[in-house]
N, C-alpha and C. Protein backbone atom coordinates (compact mmCIF):
# COMPACT_ATOMS: atom_id res chain seq x y z
N MET A 1 7.12 -59.17 191.11
CA MET A 1 7.80 -60.14 190.64
C MET A 1 8.56 -60.44 188.93
N LEU A 2 7.81 -60.59 188.43
CA LEU A 2 7.74 -60.78 187.00
C LEU A 2 7.77 -59.23 186.37
N GLU A 3 6.89 -58.33 186.88
CA GLU A 3 7.60 -56.76 186.10
C GLU A 3 9.53 -56.45 186.20
N ALA A 4 9.85 -57.32 187.42
CA ALA A 4 11.17 -57.03 187.90
C ALA A 4 12.38 -58.01 187.20
N PHE A 5 11.37 -59.08 187.20
CA PHE A 5 12.58 -60.19 186.25
C PHE A 5 12.43 -59.72 184.75
N THR A 6 11.42 -58.91 184.54
CA THR A 6 11.32 -58.80 182.55
C THR A 6 11.93 -57.29 182.49
N ALA A 7 12.10 -56.78 183.68
CA ALA A 7 12.83 -55.35 183.36
C ALA A 7 13.99 -55.32 183.47
N ALA A 8 15.01 -56.67 184.19
CA ALA A 8 16.08 -56.73 184.49
C ALA A 8 16.79 -57.57 183.34
N LEU A 9 15.68 -58.86 182.73
CA LEU A 9 16.37 -59.01 181.46
C LEU A 9 16.50 -58.25 180.50
N SER A 10 15.46 -57.90 179.54
CA SER A 10 15.26 -56.86 178.61
C SER A 10 16.40 -56.16 179.16
N LEU A 11 16.66 -55.56 179.88
CA LEU A 11 17.81 -54.29 179.86
C LEU A 11 19.30 -55.02 179.77
N ILE A 12 19.17 -56.30 180.55
CA ILE A 12 20.96 -56.75 180.56
C ILE A 12 20.96 -57.16 178.96
N THR A 13 20.20 -57.90 178.41
CA THR A 13 20.09 -58.82 177.56
C THR A 13 20.41 -57.66 176.19
N ALA A 14 20.05 -56.31 176.65
CA ALA A 14 20.23 -55.17 175.36
C ALA A 14 21.71 -54.58 175.40
N SER A 15 21.93 -54.30 176.75
CA SER A 15 23.23 -53.80 177.06
C SER A 15 24.29 -54.40 176.81
N GLU A 16 24.10 -55.81 177.37
CA GLU A 16 25.38 -56.79 177.56
C GLU A 16 26.42 -57.12 176.11
N ILE A 17 24.87 -57.34 174.90
CA ILE A 17 25.53 -57.76 173.80
C ILE A 17 26.22 -56.27 173.10
N GLY A 18 27.21 -56.59 172.74
CA GLY A 18 28.35 -55.77 172.09
C GLY A 18 28.90 -55.00 173.30
N ASP A 19 28.76 -55.72 174.23
CA ASP A 19 29.82 -55.12 174.85
C ASP A 19 31.18 -55.04 175.53
N LYS A 20 32.00 -54.66 176.38
CA LYS A 20 33.01 -55.50 175.98
C LYS A 20 33.35 -56.89 176.52
N THR A 21 32.53 -57.10 177.47
CA THR A 21 32.79 -58.39 178.38
C THR A 21 32.15 -59.31 177.51
N PHE A 22 31.23 -58.92 176.69
CA PHE A 22 30.90 -60.10 175.35
C PHE A 22 31.89 -60.59 174.40
N PHE A 23 32.38 -59.14 173.72
CA PHE A 23 33.78 -59.33 173.34
C PHE A 23 35.18 -60.32 173.61
N MET A 24 35.13 -60.46 175.23
CA MET A 24 35.64 -60.89 175.66
C MET A 24 35.46 -62.64 176.04
N ALA A 25 33.76 -62.92 176.06
CA ALA A 25 33.43 -63.94 175.94
C ALA A 25 33.46 -64.89 174.69
N VAL A 26 33.45 -63.73 173.88
CA VAL A 26 33.70 -64.29 172.20
C VAL A 26 35.49 -64.98 171.90
N ILE A 27 36.48 -63.64 172.74
CA ILE A 27 37.89 -64.28 172.24
C ILE A 27 38.01 -65.01 173.22
N LEU A 28 37.94 -65.50 174.35
CA LEU A 28 38.18 -66.62 175.72
C LEU A 28 37.83 -67.96 174.46
N ALA A 29 36.32 -67.73 174.07
CA ALA A 29 36.09 -68.93 173.55
C ALA A 29 36.12 -69.77 171.98
N SER A 30 37.13 -68.75 171.29
CA SER A 30 37.52 -68.99 170.40
C SER A 30 39.13 -69.55 170.88
N ARG A 31 39.41 -69.34 171.86
CA ARG A 31 40.71 -70.10 171.78
C ARG A 31 40.93 -71.11 172.90
N TYR A 32 39.96 -71.30 174.22
CA TYR A 32 39.63 -72.17 174.78
C TYR A 32 38.52 -72.78 174.68
N PRO A 33 38.32 -74.19 175.18
CA PRO A 33 37.08 -75.21 175.26
C PRO A 33 36.00 -74.19 175.42
N ARG A 34 34.92 -74.25 175.11
CA ARG A 34 33.72 -72.99 175.44
C ARG A 34 32.98 -73.78 176.16
N LYS A 35 32.96 -74.56 177.26
CA LYS A 35 32.80 -74.94 177.94
C LYS A 35 33.29 -74.73 179.54
N PRO A 36 34.25 -74.51 179.53
CA PRO A 36 34.68 -74.13 180.74
C PRO A 36 34.48 -72.34 181.05
N VAL A 37 34.93 -71.65 179.37
CA VAL A 37 34.67 -70.62 179.26
C VAL A 37 33.11 -69.65 179.68
N PHE A 38 32.47 -70.69 179.00
CA PHE A 38 30.91 -70.05 179.59
C PHE A 38 30.73 -70.42 180.94
N LEU A 39 31.32 -71.70 181.47
CA LEU A 39 31.10 -71.63 182.75
C LEU A 39 31.54 -70.45 183.84
N GLY A 40 32.73 -69.96 183.40
CA GLY A 40 33.36 -69.47 184.13
C GLY A 40 32.52 -67.50 184.05
N VAL A 41 32.31 -67.58 182.97
CA VAL A 41 32.00 -65.72 182.61
C VAL A 41 30.21 -66.15 183.26
N VAL A 42 29.13 -66.82 183.19
CA VAL A 42 27.95 -67.15 183.76
C VAL A 42 28.86 -67.07 185.19
N VAL A 43 28.96 -67.41 185.98
CA VAL A 43 29.64 -67.57 187.48
C VAL A 43 29.65 -66.06 187.67
N ALA A 44 30.78 -65.76 186.98
CA ALA A 44 30.85 -64.02 187.58
C ALA A 44 29.97 -63.35 187.20
N LEU A 45 29.22 -63.49 186.10
CA LEU A 45 28.11 -62.52 185.97
C LEU A 45 27.19 -62.69 186.95
N ALA A 46 27.07 -63.79 187.57
CA ALA A 46 25.73 -64.40 188.35
C ALA A 46 26.19 -63.57 189.85
N ALA A 47 27.46 -63.72 190.09
CA ALA A 47 27.98 -63.27 191.40
C ALA A 47 27.86 -61.79 191.40
N MET A 48 28.49 -61.07 190.24
CA MET A 48 27.99 -59.57 190.16
C MET A 48 26.46 -59.15 190.13
N THR A 49 26.08 -60.04 189.71
CA THR A 49 24.71 -59.48 190.01
C THR A 49 24.01 -59.50 190.77
N VAL A 50 24.49 -60.76 191.64
CA VAL A 50 24.29 -60.94 193.49
C VAL A 50 24.38 -59.78 194.48
N LEU A 51 25.37 -59.52 193.80
CA LEU A 51 26.36 -58.91 194.69
C LEU A 51 25.94 -57.06 194.49
N SER A 52 25.38 -56.96 193.36
CA SER A 52 24.59 -55.37 192.80
C SER A 52 23.09 -55.58 193.21
N VAL A 53 22.51 -56.77 193.32
CA VAL A 53 21.08 -56.78 193.78
C VAL A 53 21.60 -56.39 195.50
N TRP A 54 22.12 -57.01 196.26
CA TRP A 54 22.54 -56.66 197.42
C TRP A 54 22.83 -55.07 197.58
N ILE A 55 23.75 -54.63 197.30
CA ILE A 55 24.07 -53.03 197.51
C ILE A 55 22.69 -51.87 197.18
N GLY A 56 21.82 -53.06 196.39
CA GLY A 56 20.66 -52.00 196.08
C GLY A 56 19.51 -52.20 197.24
N GLN A 57 19.81 -53.14 197.68
CA GLN A 57 19.05 -53.60 198.68
C GLN A 57 19.48 -53.20 200.22
N LEU A 58 20.59 -52.24 200.19
CA LEU A 58 21.22 -51.85 200.77
C LEU A 58 20.89 -50.38 200.82
N LEU A 59 21.24 -49.42 199.17
CA LEU A 59 20.43 -47.89 199.05
C LEU A 59 19.63 -47.77 199.15
N MET A 60 18.10 -48.80 199.49
CA MET A 60 17.19 -49.13 200.04
C MET A 60 16.65 -48.48 201.55
N LEU A 61 17.71 -48.95 201.91
CA LEU A 61 17.91 -48.53 203.77
C LEU A 61 18.08 -46.96 203.81
N LEU A 62 19.05 -46.61 203.41
CA LEU A 62 19.85 -45.03 203.22
C LEU A 62 18.81 -44.27 204.04
N PRO A 63 17.80 -44.36 202.50
CA PRO A 63 17.26 -42.70 203.56
C PRO A 63 16.85 -43.03 205.09
N LYS A 64 16.30 -44.17 205.77
CA LYS A 64 16.23 -44.14 207.00
C LYS A 64 17.61 -43.72 207.80
N LEU A 65 18.08 -44.39 207.61
CA LEU A 65 19.47 -44.43 207.87
C LEU A 65 20.04 -43.02 208.25
N VAL A 66 20.13 -41.89 206.95
CA VAL A 66 20.54 -40.96 207.02
C VAL A 66 19.55 -39.86 207.67
N GLY A 67 18.05 -40.42 207.51
CA GLY A 67 17.18 -39.50 208.60
C GLY A 67 17.44 -39.21 209.79
N GLN A 68 18.09 -40.56 210.40
CA GLN A 68 18.36 -40.76 211.86
C GLN A 68 19.33 -39.28 212.37
N TYR A 69 20.49 -38.48 211.19
CA TYR A 69 21.34 -37.51 211.60
C TYR A 69 20.90 -36.31 211.02
N LEU A 70 19.87 -36.35 210.30
CA LEU A 70 19.93 -35.22 209.45
C LEU A 70 18.61 -34.38 210.41
N PRO A 71 18.91 -32.84 210.42
CA PRO A 71 17.97 -31.94 211.37
C PRO A 71 16.76 -31.42 211.09
N PRO A 72 15.88 -31.37 211.91
CA PRO A 72 14.43 -31.46 211.69
C PRO A 72 14.12 -30.37 210.21
N SER A 73 14.99 -29.52 209.94
CA SER A 73 14.56 -28.96 208.78
C SER A 73 14.76 -29.56 207.58
N LEU A 74 15.93 -30.40 206.93
CA LEU A 74 15.86 -31.59 206.31
C LEU A 74 15.08 -32.72 206.41
N GLY A 75 14.05 -33.01 207.07
CA GLY A 75 13.30 -34.27 207.32
C GLY A 75 12.37 -34.71 206.67
N PHE A 76 12.29 -33.37 205.21
CA PHE A 76 11.70 -34.24 204.02
C PHE A 76 12.20 -34.76 203.54
N LEU A 77 13.87 -35.03 203.36
CA LEU A 77 14.41 -35.45 202.32
C LEU A 77 13.99 -37.34 202.18
N THR A 78 14.05 -37.50 203.74
CA THR A 78 13.91 -39.12 204.32
C THR A 78 12.18 -39.50 203.56
N HIS A 79 11.37 -38.44 203.38
CA HIS A 79 9.84 -39.04 202.35
C HIS A 79 10.46 -39.29 200.89
N ILE A 80 11.19 -38.41 200.72
CA ILE A 80 11.50 -38.78 198.56
C ILE A 80 11.75 -40.56 198.49
N SER A 81 10.48 -40.43 197.50
CA SER A 81 10.37 -42.31 197.73
C SER A 81 11.85 -42.70 196.70
N ILE A 82 12.13 -43.87 196.82
CA ILE A 82 13.87 -44.19 196.25
C ILE A 82 13.41 -44.45 194.44
N GLU A 83 12.47 -44.74 194.38
CA GLU A 83 11.57 -45.05 192.82
C GLU A 83 11.70 -43.50 192.06
N TYR A 84 11.63 -42.38 193.05
CA TYR A 84 11.99 -41.36 191.87
C TYR A 84 13.53 -41.19 191.93
N VAL A 85 14.09 -41.46 192.88
CA VAL A 85 15.63 -41.41 192.50
C VAL A 85 16.15 -42.29 191.54
N GLY A 86 15.39 -43.59 191.73
CA GLY A 86 15.82 -44.79 190.27
C GLY A 86 15.15 -43.81 189.41
N ALA A 87 14.11 -43.53 189.19
CA ALA A 87 13.76 -42.85 187.81
C ALA A 87 14.68 -42.19 186.68
N VAL A 88 15.24 -41.13 188.20
CA VAL A 88 16.23 -39.96 187.96
C VAL A 88 17.33 -40.92 187.31
N LEU A 89 18.06 -41.52 187.91
CA LEU A 89 18.98 -42.30 187.37
C LEU A 89 19.07 -43.06 185.95
N PHE A 90 17.75 -43.66 186.10
CA PHE A 90 17.52 -44.61 184.69
C PHE A 90 18.07 -43.18 183.71
N PHE A 91 16.87 -42.18 183.45
CA PHE A 91 16.83 -41.53 182.74
C PHE A 91 18.13 -40.56 182.30
N PHE A 92 18.85 -40.60 183.73
CA PHE A 92 20.22 -40.13 183.41
C PHE A 92 20.84 -41.18 182.51
N PHE A 93 21.11 -42.39 182.94
CA PHE A 93 21.78 -43.08 182.38
C PHE A 93 20.84 -43.48 180.16
N GLY A 94 20.15 -43.06 179.87
CA GLY A 94 19.50 -43.60 178.76
C GLY A 94 19.82 -42.38 178.14
N ILE A 95 19.94 -40.59 178.36
CA ILE A 95 20.37 -39.81 178.06
C ILE A 95 21.62 -40.07 178.04
N LYS A 96 22.45 -40.56 178.81
CA LYS A 96 23.97 -40.10 178.22
C LYS A 96 24.42 -41.78 177.29
N LEU A 97 23.65 -42.56 177.62
CA LEU A 97 23.65 -43.44 176.32
C LEU A 97 23.69 -42.80 174.77
N LEU A 98 22.51 -42.51 174.84
CA LEU A 98 22.38 -41.97 173.16
C LEU A 98 23.33 -40.57 172.77
N TYR A 99 23.17 -40.01 174.33
CA TYR A 99 24.63 -38.66 173.65
C TYR A 99 25.98 -39.40 173.06
N SER A 100 25.88 -40.30 173.52
CA SER A 100 27.30 -41.31 173.63
C SER A 100 27.38 -42.50 172.43
N ALA A 101 25.59 -42.76 171.98
CA ALA A 101 25.94 -43.61 170.63
C ALA A 101 25.83 -42.09 169.57
N ARG A 102 25.82 -41.18 170.05
CA ARG A 102 25.61 -40.13 168.77
C ARG A 102 26.58 -39.61 168.10
N ASN A 103 27.85 -39.68 168.97
CA ASN A 103 29.04 -39.78 168.65
C ASN A 103 30.24 -40.79 168.28
N MET A 104 29.57 -42.04 168.06
CA MET A 104 29.93 -43.13 167.84
C MET A 104 29.81 -43.60 166.60
N SER A 105 31.14 -44.56 165.82
CA SER A 105 31.52 -44.84 164.47
C SER A 105 31.44 -46.30 164.62
N ARG A 106 31.62 -46.50 163.73
CA ARG A 106 32.20 -48.15 163.45
C ARG A 106 33.97 -48.37 164.29
N LYS A 107 34.22 -47.15 164.05
CA LYS A 107 35.37 -47.30 164.30
C LYS A 107 35.42 -48.02 166.12
N THR A 108 34.28 -47.78 166.57
CA THR A 108 33.97 -48.10 167.83
C THR A 108 34.28 -49.35 168.08
N ASP A 109 33.41 -49.42 167.42
CA ASP A 109 33.31 -51.34 167.44
C ASP A 109 34.68 -52.07 167.21
N ILE A 110 35.43 -51.67 166.42
CA ILE A 110 37.47 -52.09 167.01
C ILE A 110 37.40 -52.02 167.89
N GLU A 111 37.64 -50.71 168.75
CA GLU A 111 38.36 -49.99 169.73
C GLU A 111 37.56 -51.07 171.13
N VAL A 112 36.31 -51.25 171.04
CA VAL A 112 36.11 -52.05 172.21
C VAL A 112 36.69 -54.01 172.12
N MET A 113 36.31 -54.63 171.02
CA MET A 113 36.86 -55.23 170.61
C MET A 113 38.53 -55.64 171.01
N ALA A 114 39.25 -54.14 170.46
CA ALA A 114 40.60 -54.36 170.94
C ALA A 114 41.12 -53.91 172.54
N GLU A 115 40.05 -53.85 173.05
CA GLU A 115 40.04 -53.47 174.68
C GLU A 115 40.16 -54.59 175.11
N ALA A 116 39.12 -55.20 174.76
CA ALA A 116 38.75 -56.90 175.12
C ALA A 116 39.77 -57.51 175.39
N GLU A 117 40.45 -57.90 173.90
CA GLU A 117 41.56 -58.79 173.64
C GLU A 117 43.02 -58.01 174.77
N GLU A 118 43.36 -56.90 174.81
CA GLU A 118 44.09 -56.00 175.87
C GLU A 118 43.71 -56.47 177.02
N ALA A 119 42.71 -56.85 177.27
CA ALA A 119 42.09 -57.60 178.60
C ALA A 119 42.79 -58.53 179.01
N ILE A 120 42.13 -59.46 177.68
CA ILE A 120 42.30 -60.85 177.71
C ILE A 120 44.61 -61.11 178.13
N GLU A 121 44.97 -60.63 176.80
CA GLU A 121 46.28 -60.52 176.98
C GLU A 121 47.05 -60.18 178.35
N ASP A 122 46.54 -59.53 179.08
CA ASP A 122 47.12 -58.89 180.97
C ASP A 122 46.54 -60.07 181.41
N GLY A 123 45.11 -60.98 181.21
CA GLY A 123 45.08 -62.00 181.98
C GLY A 123 45.55 -62.42 181.53
N GLU A 124 45.69 -63.36 180.50
CA GLU A 124 46.49 -64.59 180.20
C GLU A 124 48.37 -64.80 181.13
N ARG A 125 49.05 -63.02 180.78
CA ARG A 125 49.97 -63.24 181.85
C ARG A 125 50.51 -63.60 183.18
N LYS A 126 49.04 -63.55 183.76
CA LYS A 126 48.64 -63.79 185.17
C LYS A 126 48.51 -65.09 185.10
N PHE A 127 47.78 -65.44 184.12
CA PHE A 127 47.12 -66.81 184.32
C PHE A 127 48.01 -67.69 183.36
N LYS A 128 49.29 -67.91 183.46
CA LYS A 128 50.49 -68.74 182.54
C LYS A 128 50.00 -70.01 182.60
N GLN A 129 49.72 -70.72 183.55
CA GLN A 129 49.20 -72.37 183.17
C GLN A 129 47.78 -72.11 182.90
N ARG A 130 47.15 -72.39 181.94
CA ARG A 130 45.74 -72.27 181.97
C ARG A 130 45.82 -73.42 180.83
N ASN A 131 46.12 -75.06 180.77
CA ASN A 131 45.91 -75.71 180.40
C ASN A 131 45.32 -76.76 180.51
N THR A 132 44.41 -76.48 181.94
CA THR A 132 43.23 -76.98 182.21
C THR A 132 42.05 -76.36 181.90
N ALA A 133 40.78 -77.46 182.47
CA ALA A 133 39.54 -76.92 182.40
C ALA A 133 39.49 -75.83 184.01
N TRP A 134 39.72 -75.88 184.61
CA TRP A 134 39.59 -75.34 185.89
C TRP A 134 40.53 -73.64 185.48
N LYS A 135 41.37 -74.00 185.18
CA LYS A 135 42.44 -72.86 185.14
C LYS A 135 41.51 -71.94 183.78
N ILE A 136 41.33 -72.71 182.97
CA ILE A 136 40.19 -71.85 181.79
C ILE A 136 38.94 -70.99 182.80
N PHE A 137 38.47 -71.67 183.32
CA PHE A 137 37.14 -71.36 184.17
C PHE A 137 37.51 -69.91 184.67
N ILE A 138 38.72 -70.35 185.91
CA ILE A 138 39.43 -69.14 186.66
C ILE A 138 39.55 -67.98 185.78
N GLU A 139 40.13 -68.06 184.93
CA GLU A 139 41.05 -67.46 183.91
C GLU A 139 39.15 -66.20 183.58
N SER A 140 38.78 -67.11 183.03
CA SER A 140 37.39 -66.87 182.26
C SER A 140 36.50 -65.51 183.81
N GLY A 141 36.61 -66.31 184.60
CA GLY A 141 35.48 -65.91 185.37
C GLY A 141 36.21 -64.67 186.09
N VAL A 142 37.49 -64.31 186.40
CA VAL A 142 38.30 -63.24 187.11
C VAL A 142 38.00 -62.33 185.73
N LEU A 143 38.63 -62.48 184.76
CA LEU A 143 38.59 -61.15 183.75
C LEU A 143 37.38 -60.69 183.60
N THR A 144 35.96 -61.72 183.51
CA THR A 144 34.83 -61.19 183.72
C THR A 144 34.45 -60.24 184.71
N PHE A 145 34.81 -60.86 185.65
CA PHE A 145 34.15 -59.86 187.50
C PHE A 145 35.00 -58.75 187.06
N VAL A 146 36.25 -58.63 186.91
CA VAL A 146 36.73 -57.46 186.80
C VAL A 146 36.63 -56.61 185.52
N ALA A 147 36.05 -56.64 184.68
CA ALA A 147 35.91 -55.85 183.66
C ALA A 147 33.95 -55.34 183.12
N GLU A 148 33.64 -56.25 184.92
CA GLU A 148 32.05 -55.98 184.18
C GLU A 148 31.56 -54.72 186.07
N TRP A 149 32.96 -54.80 186.55
CA TRP A 149 32.82 -53.83 187.60
C TRP A 149 32.72 -52.54 187.47
N GLY A 150 31.82 -51.72 187.44
CA GLY A 150 31.47 -50.60 187.15
C GLY A 150 31.00 -50.13 186.08
N ASP A 151 30.38 -51.24 185.50
CA ASP A 151 30.06 -51.15 184.08
C ASP A 151 28.44 -50.60 184.26
N ARG A 152 27.99 -50.07 183.40
CA ARG A 152 26.80 -49.36 183.27
C ARG A 152 25.57 -50.58 183.51
N THR A 153 25.83 -51.80 183.48
CA THR A 153 24.92 -52.94 183.67
C THR A 153 24.78 -53.26 184.79
N GLN A 154 25.99 -53.05 185.55
CA GLN A 154 25.89 -52.93 187.18
C GLN A 154 25.47 -51.73 187.76
N PHE A 155 25.53 -50.61 187.39
CA PHE A 155 24.54 -49.66 188.01
C PHE A 155 23.10 -49.59 187.49
N ALA A 156 22.60 -50.29 186.95
CA ALA A 156 21.47 -50.81 185.96
C ALA A 156 20.92 -51.79 186.92
N THR A 157 21.61 -52.85 187.52
CA THR A 157 21.57 -53.55 188.12
C THR A 157 20.72 -53.46 189.91
N VAL A 158 21.39 -52.40 190.06
CA VAL A 158 21.48 -51.90 191.59
C VAL A 158 20.54 -51.19 191.80
N THR A 159 20.42 -50.39 190.73
CA THR A 159 19.10 -49.17 190.37
C THR A 159 18.13 -49.73 190.76
N LEU A 160 17.41 -51.24 189.69
CA LEU A 160 16.88 -52.29 189.48
C LEU A 160 15.86 -52.63 191.05
N ALA A 161 17.21 -53.16 191.58
CA ALA A 161 16.98 -53.92 192.72
C ALA A 161 16.45 -52.90 193.69
N ALA A 162 17.08 -51.31 194.15
CA ALA A 162 16.36 -50.72 194.92
C ALA A 162 15.03 -50.00 194.44
N THR A 163 14.70 -50.42 193.55
CA THR A 163 13.16 -49.50 193.19
C THR A 163 12.65 -51.04 192.95
N LYS A 164 12.72 -52.42 192.93
CA LYS A 164 11.78 -53.18 192.35
C LYS A 164 12.24 -54.60 193.42
N ASP A 165 11.32 -55.44 192.74
CA ASP A 165 11.22 -56.99 193.01
C ASP A 165 12.77 -57.60 193.44
N SER A 166 13.84 -57.56 194.44
CA SER A 166 15.07 -57.93 194.40
C SER A 166 15.20 -59.24 193.48
N LEU A 167 14.49 -60.12 194.08
CA LEU A 167 14.42 -61.55 193.61
C LEU A 167 14.17 -61.53 192.25
N GLY A 168 13.19 -61.13 191.32
CA GLY A 168 12.66 -60.62 190.44
C GLY A 168 13.94 -60.16 189.12
N VAL A 169 14.35 -59.21 190.21
CA VAL A 169 15.37 -58.63 189.26
C VAL A 169 17.07 -59.25 189.12
N MET A 170 16.74 -60.13 190.48
CA MET A 170 18.39 -61.54 190.05
C MET A 170 18.34 -62.27 189.66
N ALA A 171 16.97 -62.76 189.35
CA ALA A 171 17.00 -63.46 188.48
C ALA A 171 16.91 -63.57 186.75
N GLY A 172 16.29 -62.16 186.60
CA GLY A 172 16.34 -61.92 185.28
C GLY A 172 17.86 -61.28 185.26
N GLY A 173 18.49 -60.87 185.84
CA GLY A 173 19.84 -60.17 185.61
C GLY A 173 20.67 -61.21 185.39
N ILE A 174 20.72 -62.49 185.87
CA ILE A 174 21.29 -63.95 185.75
C ILE A 174 20.94 -64.24 184.61
N VAL A 175 19.57 -64.83 184.30
CA VAL A 175 19.66 -65.65 183.27
C VAL A 175 19.64 -64.66 181.81
N GLY A 176 19.68 -63.18 182.20
CA GLY A 176 19.74 -62.39 181.00
C GLY A 176 21.34 -62.44 180.21
N HIS A 177 22.53 -62.33 181.67
CA HIS A 177 23.93 -62.27 181.59
C HIS A 177 23.95 -64.18 181.17
N ALA A 178 23.47 -64.89 181.55
CA ALA A 178 23.52 -66.04 180.84
C ALA A 178 23.69 -66.46 179.45
N ILE A 179 22.43 -65.80 178.73
CA ILE A 179 21.86 -65.58 177.67
C ILE A 179 22.37 -64.86 176.36
N CYS A 180 23.23 -64.07 176.90
CA CYS A 180 24.22 -62.73 176.17
C CYS A 180 25.80 -64.16 176.19
N ALA A 181 26.25 -64.61 177.18
CA ALA A 181 27.50 -65.38 177.60
C ALA A 181 26.82 -66.78 176.50
N LEU A 182 25.82 -67.34 176.50
CA LEU A 182 26.02 -68.38 175.74
C LEU A 182 25.87 -68.07 174.20
N ILE A 183 25.25 -66.92 173.91
CA ILE A 183 25.60 -66.41 172.30
C ILE A 183 26.77 -66.04 172.19
N ALA A 184 27.45 -65.47 173.10
CA ALA A 184 28.99 -65.16 172.56
C ALA A 184 29.80 -66.32 172.28
N VAL A 185 29.46 -67.31 173.76
CA VAL A 185 30.05 -68.56 173.16
C VAL A 185 29.89 -69.48 171.86
N ILE A 186 28.84 -69.64 171.30
CA ILE A 186 28.48 -70.42 170.16
C ILE A 186 28.90 -69.55 169.28
N GLY A 187 28.20 -68.35 168.67
CA GLY A 187 28.32 -67.46 167.93
C GLY A 187 28.43 -66.52 168.03
N GLY A 188 29.15 -66.17 168.73
CA GLY A 188 29.66 -64.70 169.14
C GLY A 188 30.38 -63.95 168.34
N ARG A 189 31.33 -64.42 167.46
CA ARG A 189 32.35 -64.11 166.41
C ARG A 189 31.29 -63.26 165.03
N ALA A 190 30.58 -64.43 164.55
CA ALA A 190 29.79 -64.15 163.32
C ALA A 190 28.75 -62.75 163.86
N ILE A 191 28.24 -63.78 165.07
CA ILE A 191 27.05 -62.00 165.65
C ILE A 191 27.94 -60.59 165.93
N ALA A 192 28.79 -60.84 165.94
CA ALA A 192 29.60 -59.49 166.43
C ALA A 192 29.85 -58.53 164.95
N SER A 193 29.96 -59.49 164.08
CA SER A 193 30.65 -58.87 162.67
C SER A 193 29.05 -58.67 161.96
N HIS A 194 28.50 -58.61 162.82
CA HIS A 194 26.67 -58.15 162.02
C HIS A 194 25.85 -57.12 163.02
N ILE A 195 26.42 -56.38 164.23
CA ILE A 195 25.69 -55.79 164.73
C ILE A 195 27.19 -54.16 165.13
N SER A 196 26.08 -53.47 165.84
CA SER A 196 26.92 -52.37 165.82
C SER A 196 26.81 -52.28 167.40
N GLU A 197 27.78 -51.44 167.79
CA GLU A 197 27.91 -51.06 169.42
C GLU A 197 26.51 -49.57 169.57
N ARG A 198 26.86 -49.04 168.02
CA ARG A 198 25.98 -47.83 168.69
C ARG A 198 24.52 -47.72 168.33
N THR A 199 24.38 -49.07 168.02
CA THR A 199 22.61 -49.30 167.56
C THR A 199 21.90 -50.27 168.97
N ILE A 200 23.55 -50.78 169.43
CA ILE A 200 23.48 -51.11 170.89
C ILE A 200 23.18 -50.76 172.06
N THR A 201 23.92 -49.63 171.60
CA THR A 201 23.52 -48.44 172.60
C THR A 201 22.58 -47.41 172.85
N ILE A 202 22.11 -47.25 171.56
CA ILE A 202 20.75 -46.62 171.20
C ILE A 202 19.54 -47.32 171.98
N ILE A 203 19.90 -48.42 171.70
CA ILE A 203 18.19 -50.03 172.25
C ILE A 203 18.66 -49.66 173.93
N GLY A 204 19.42 -49.16 174.18
CA GLY A 204 19.89 -49.38 175.52
C GLY A 204 19.58 -48.07 176.28
N GLY A 205 19.71 -47.25 175.62
CA GLY A 205 19.35 -45.67 176.20
C GLY A 205 18.02 -45.70 175.98
N LEU A 206 17.60 -46.44 175.14
CA LEU A 206 16.11 -46.14 175.00
C LEU A 206 14.97 -46.89 176.00
N LEU A 207 15.92 -48.07 176.34
CA LEU A 207 15.50 -48.86 177.20
C LEU A 207 15.37 -48.27 178.71
N PHE A 208 16.88 -47.53 178.95
CA PHE A 208 16.80 -47.04 180.28
C PHE A 208 15.69 -45.76 180.56
N ILE A 209 15.43 -45.33 179.51
CA ILE A 209 14.59 -44.13 179.73
C ILE A 209 12.79 -44.60 179.75
N LEU A 210 13.04 -45.75 178.89
CA LEU A 210 11.24 -46.48 179.01
C LEU A 210 11.37 -46.85 180.61
N LEU A 211 11.84 -47.66 181.04
CA LEU A 211 12.62 -48.26 182.60
C LEU A 211 12.59 -46.53 183.55
N ALA A 212 12.39 -45.83 182.99
CA ALA A 212 12.45 -44.39 184.06
C ALA A 212 11.21 -44.11 184.06
N ILE A 213 10.59 -43.84 182.60
CA ILE A 213 8.98 -43.75 182.62
C ILE A 213 7.59 -44.97 183.28
N VAL A 214 8.35 -46.50 183.01
CA VAL A 214 7.86 -47.02 184.00
C VAL A 214 7.48 -46.97 185.23
N THR A 215 8.87 -46.64 185.90
CA THR A 215 9.70 -46.71 187.68
C THR A 215 8.40 -45.54 188.18
N ILE A 216 8.13 -44.15 187.66
CA ILE A 216 7.47 -43.39 187.98
C ILE A 216 5.81 -43.41 187.61
N SER A 217 5.77 -43.98 186.69
CA SER A 217 4.09 -44.37 186.63
C SER A 217 3.49 -45.60 187.47
N PHE A 218 4.21 -46.33 187.50
CA PHE A 218 4.44 -47.74 188.74
C PHE A 218 4.50 -48.35 190.02
N GLY A 219 5.72 -47.14 190.16
CA GLY A 219 6.90 -47.68 191.13
C GLY A 219 6.76 -48.94 191.61
N ARG A 220 6.74 -49.29 192.63
CA ARG A 220 7.39 -50.91 193.12
C ARG A 220 6.31 -51.56 193.17
C-alpha cells in the first residue's frame, strides 16, 4: 500500500503542477475567495480519483471476463499479467510526454494559461449567479472535473489502480491533488511564472518510465 501511495502521490504532484487544471485553480483563486475555490477543486479531483480507481479495478477483471468468450486457441491471452499491460502503458505515456516536451517552448505555457482562461470564461457564462460561496464551490468543482476528464493523470490513476493497491493509489492521488490545489490557490500565480510546462512534462515523462520499470520489476 505504501508503494502505491508513494507512486500515486509523486506522479500526480509532478503531472498536475503547471497543468491546465492547475492554471484554472490559479485564475479562479485570483477572482474569487480562495476557500470555496479550493474546496470545489479538491472535491472534484477527489471524485475523479475515486472514479478512476474504480475503472482501474474493473480493468483488473477484464482478462477473466474476456477469457470466457475467447476460443481455446487464444486462451493464453487471459494469462497475460495486468502488470505487464500497465507497464507498457506507463512506458508509452512516458515516451509520449518526452516527445511532447521536445517540441515545447515558453509559448506553450502561455497557450495552457489561455486555454484555462477560456474554459473559465465559458463556465462563467453558465454560472451567471456566482456571488455566494456555494455557487463558487460548484463552479470551481464542475470546471475542474470537466477539464480533468481524459487528462493524462486520469489515465495514470486508472493504470495505477489496475496494477497496484487501490486504496494506496486512491489516498496518494487525493493527497497529491490536494497539494497541487493548495499550491495553486495560495501562491500559484507566483509559482506559475517560475515554472515551465516543458520542464514539468519532462519530469512527468521520466516518472512514467520509472514507474514502468518498477511495475515490471516488483509487480503488484
